[in-house]
Protein backbone atom coordinates (compact mmCIF):
# COMPACT_ATOMS: atom_id res chain seq x y z
CA MET A 1 -47.15 48.75 68.75
CA ALA A 2 -50.77 47.66 68.59
CA GLU A 3 -52.30 46.76 65.26
CA PRO A 4 -55.91 46.03 64.33
CA ALA A 5 -56.90 42.35 64.19
CA ASN A 6 -59.96 40.13 64.31
CA CYS A 7 -60.66 38.23 67.53
CA SER A 8 -59.91 34.53 67.13
CA ARG A 9 -63.01 33.70 69.21
CA CYS A 10 -65.81 36.08 68.31
CA GLY A 11 -64.42 37.61 65.11
CA GLY A 12 -64.76 41.16 66.41
CA LEU A 13 -62.22 43.87 65.62
CA PHE A 14 -59.73 44.85 68.35
CA MET A 15 -56.23 46.26 68.76
CA LYS A 16 -53.85 43.31 68.99
CA ARG A 17 -51.11 43.49 71.60
CA THR A 18 -50.22 40.27 73.40
CA HIS A 19 -53.45 38.28 72.98
CA THR A 20 -55.16 36.99 69.87
CA PHE A 21 -58.62 37.74 71.21
CA CYS A 22 -60.51 40.86 72.28
CA GLU A 23 -60.96 42.28 75.78
CA THR A 24 -64.54 40.96 76.02
CA CYS A 25 -63.43 37.40 75.24
CA ARG A 26 -60.50 37.72 77.66
CA ASN A 27 -62.89 38.77 80.43
CA ARG A 28 -65.21 35.88 79.55
CA GLU A 29 -62.25 33.47 79.74
CA GLU A 30 -61.26 34.84 83.16
CA LEU A 31 -64.81 34.39 84.45
CA ASP A 32 -64.79 30.81 83.12
CA TYR A 33 -61.47 30.15 84.87
CA ARG A 34 -62.79 31.51 88.16
CA ALA A 35 -65.91 29.33 87.92
CA VAL A 36 -63.83 26.21 87.23
CA TYR A 37 -61.33 27.00 89.98
CA LYS A 38 -64.11 27.71 92.49
CA PHE A 39 -65.68 24.33 91.64
CA LEU A 40 -62.35 22.51 92.00
CA ARG A 41 -61.47 24.14 95.33
CA GLU A 42 -64.18 22.11 97.03
CA ARG A 43 -62.62 18.93 98.44
CA GLU A 44 -65.14 16.53 96.89
CA ASN A 45 -64.59 18.00 93.39
CA ARG A 46 -60.79 17.88 93.24
CA ALA A 47 -60.69 14.55 91.38
CA ALA A 48 -63.41 15.60 88.90
CA THR A 49 -62.78 15.08 85.19
CA ALA A 50 -63.14 17.80 82.56
CA ASP A 51 -66.54 16.57 81.39
CA VAL A 52 -67.93 16.59 84.96
CA ILE A 53 -66.52 20.10 85.53
CA ALA A 54 -68.00 21.29 82.22
CA GLU A 55 -71.42 19.94 83.18
CA ALA A 56 -71.30 21.53 86.65
CA THR A 57 -69.93 24.94 85.66
CA GLY A 58 -71.21 25.44 82.13
CA VAL A 59 -67.66 26.07 80.86
CA GLU A 60 -66.76 24.18 77.67
CA GLU A 61 -64.63 21.08 78.14
CA LYS A 62 -62.24 22.39 75.48
CA GLN A 63 -61.69 25.55 77.54
CA ILE A 64 -61.04 23.53 80.71
CA ARG A 65 -58.43 21.43 78.89
CA LYS A 66 -56.84 24.66 77.63
CA PHE A 67 -56.54 25.87 81.23
CA VAL A 68 -54.68 22.66 82.08
CA LYS A 69 -52.45 22.89 79.01
CA ASP A 70 -51.64 26.54 79.77
CA ARG A 71 -50.76 25.43 83.34
CA ARG A 72 -53.43 27.60 84.94
CA LEU A 73 -54.83 24.43 86.49
CA HIS A 74 -52.13 22.00 87.60
CA PRO A 75 -52.88 18.29 87.14
CA MET A 76 -50.80 17.55 90.24
CA ASN A 77 -53.42 19.34 92.33
CA PHE A 78 -56.36 18.04 90.29
CA PRO A 79 -55.67 14.41 89.26
CA GLY A 80 -58.76 14.05 87.07
CA LEU A 81 -57.61 16.71 84.61
CA SER A 82 -55.64 16.15 81.44
CA TYR A 83 -55.45 17.33 77.83
CA ALA A 84 -54.83 15.73 74.44
CA CYS A 85 -51.48 14.60 73.02
CA GLU A 86 -50.79 16.66 69.90
CA ARG A 87 -49.99 13.54 67.86
CA CYS A 88 -52.40 10.76 68.87
CA GLY A 89 -54.98 12.61 70.98
CA GLY A 90 -54.42 10.48 74.08
CA ALA A 91 -54.77 12.02 77.53
CA ILE A 92 -51.61 13.60 78.95
CA ARG A 93 -50.87 15.73 81.97
CA GLN A 94 -47.73 17.60 80.87
CA GLY A 95 -45.77 18.43 77.73
CA ARG A 96 -47.05 18.15 74.18
CA LEU A 97 -46.72 14.42 73.49
CA CYS A 98 -47.63 11.28 75.40
CA ALA A 99 -44.88 8.85 76.45
CA SER A 100 -45.43 6.43 73.54
CA CYS A 101 -45.47 9.17 70.88
CA SER A 102 -42.39 10.73 72.43
CA LYS A 103 -40.61 7.36 72.39
CA GLU A 104 -41.58 6.75 68.74
CA LEU A 105 -40.37 10.21 67.77
CA ASN A 106 -37.05 9.76 69.58
CA GLU A 107 -36.52 6.36 67.92
CA ALA A 108 -37.26 7.84 64.49
CA LEU A 109 -34.83 10.70 65.12
CA ALA A 110 -32.15 8.27 66.29
CA LYS A 111 -32.64 6.19 63.14
CA ILE A 112 -32.31 9.29 60.95
CA ASP A 113 -29.17 10.26 62.85
CA ARG A 114 -27.66 6.79 62.34
CA ASN A 115 -28.47 6.92 58.62
CA GLU A 116 -26.87 10.36 58.31
CA LYS A 117 -23.70 9.17 60.05
CA ALA A 118 -23.51 6.08 57.82
CA ARG A 119 -23.95 8.26 54.72
CA GLU A 120 -21.19 10.60 55.93
CA ASN A 121 -18.86 7.65 56.55
CA ARG A 122 -19.51 6.27 53.04
CA ASN A 123 -18.90 9.67 51.45
CA HIS A 124 -15.74 10.15 53.49
CA ARG A 125 -14.33 6.78 52.37
CA GLU A 126 -15.12 7.50 48.73
CA GLU A 127 -13.26 10.81 48.89
CA GLU A 128 -10.05 9.29 50.29
CA PRO A 129 -7.46 8.40 47.66
CA GLU A 130 -6.71 4.73 47.33
CA ILE A 131 -3.68 3.70 49.25
CA ILE A 132 -1.24 1.89 47.01
CA ARG A 133 0.54 -0.76 48.92
CA SER A 134 3.93 -1.47 47.57
CA SER A 135 7.07 -2.92 48.95
CA TYR A 136 10.68 -2.09 48.35
CA TYR A 137 12.94 -4.99 47.53
CA SER A 138 16.65 -4.80 47.45
CA ILE A 139 19.05 -7.25 45.92
CA ASP A 140 22.26 -8.08 47.58
CA ARG A 141 24.68 -8.64 44.68
CA LYS A 142 27.35 -10.09 46.85
CA LYS A 143 25.30 -13.15 47.72
CA ARG A 144 24.89 -14.29 44.12
């Protein structure tokens, strides 16, 4: 069910369904996409970077990077396009993190996992009752 909301771009009131912005802003975004795509379809522009495309089309560089991030423009087809890593801001072509940030995150998670396992092992050993080692000796009375 639709509910009233303010457009995240222009601030205008609209009935929110699947998008967070109004119909006017959606149409403007579609026109921007078509302008960028038309520019990139020309052979000599395929390797253009976002700032060159922004200058040629008048579409904001931020919007062009959003098209790449949303996979409307595929970096495989347009090698000059990229968007920012969510952690360090470096240029990436897929996913949310660059390779180095992803590696750092995986190493940190592995370290946390190792620490958790070590803590569990310590707690498990502390809960075990102490094993009393004793021996049974018998005396042979006949040998005395």
